[in-house]
């Protein structure tokens, strides 16, 4: 998968720099990576699955 053009961001609640980064700007995919290892592996999610994950974790 071509990651060129991915716009990475971290949570606004992240304060220590040890978190995940998410790119949601590419069509049909949400990308997730470790902020401490930006050249490391990237997880890919279907946007619907990512939204469901976020909704389920908001209350925890």
Protein backbone atom coordinates (compact mmCIF):
# COMPACT_ATOMS: atom_id res chain seq x y z
CA UNK A 1 0.00 0.00 0.00
CA UNK A 2 1.24 3.45 -0.91
CA UNK A 3 1.41 5.66 2.18
CA UNK A 4 2.54 8.81 0.38
CA UNK A 5 0.14 11.59 1.24
CA UNK A 6 -0.93 10.13 4.58
CA UNK A 7 -1.57 12.95 7.02
CA UNK A 8 -0.66 11.58 10.46
CA UNK A 9 -2.02 12.96 13.73
CA UNK A 10 -2.08 11.96 17.39
CA UNK A 11 -4.88 12.27 19.89
CA UNK A 12 -5.40 15.65 21.48
CA UNK A 13 -5.30 13.78 24.79
CA UNK A 14 -1.79 12.48 24.15
CA UNK A 15 0.71 14.38 26.22
CA UNK A 16 3.76 12.16 26.57
CA UNK A 17 4.45 11.34 22.93
CA UNK A 18 4.07 7.61 23.46
CA UNK A 19 0.92 6.91 21.54
CA UNK A 20 -0.44 5.92 18.18
CA UNK A 21 -0.73 8.11 15.12
CA UNK A 22 -3.69 7.88 12.79
CA UNK A 23 -4.08 8.88 9.14
CA UNK A 24 -7.68 9.16 7.96
CA UNK A 25 -7.21 11.19 4.80
CA UNK A 26 -6.62 8.41 2.26
CA UNK A 27 -9.69 7.03 0.46
CA UNK A 28 -11.14 3.80 1.82
CA UNK A 29 -8.60 3.18 4.57
CA UNK A 30 -7.55 4.32 8.04
CA UNK A 31 -3.87 3.85 8.91
CA UNK A 32 -2.46 3.43 12.43
CA UNK A 33 1.19 3.39 13.52
CA UNK A 34 3.34 3.71 16.64
CA UNK A 35 4.40 7.34 17.10
CA UNK A 36 7.79 6.20 18.47
CA UNK A 37 8.50 4.18 15.29
CA UNK A 38 7.08 6.11 12.32
CA UNK A 39 8.99 3.98 9.81
CA UNK A 40 7.76 0.75 11.41
CA UNK A 41 4.70 -1.33 10.61
CA UNK A 42 1.36 0.26 9.80
CA UNK A 43 -2.03 -1.28 10.57
CA UNK A 44 -4.83 -0.71 8.07
CA UNK A 45 -8.52 -0.58 8.91
CA UNK A 46 -11.71 -0.24 6.97
CA UNK A 47 -13.14 3.20 7.90
CA UNK A 48 -16.38 1.63 9.22
CA UNK A 49 -14.43 -0.76 11.45
CA UNK A 50 -12.28 2.12 12.74
CA UNK A 51 -15.34 4.23 13.60
CA UNK A 52 -16.90 1.27 15.41
CA UNK A 53 -13.67 0.76 17.39
CA UNK A 54 -13.55 4.43 18.38
CA UNK A 55 -17.21 4.46 19.43
CA UNK A 56 -16.78 1.34 21.57
CA UNK A 57 -13.70 2.71 23.32
CA UNK A 58 -15.04 6.19 24.08
CA UNK A 59 -16.80 5.05 27.24
CA UNK A 60 -13.79 3.21 28.68
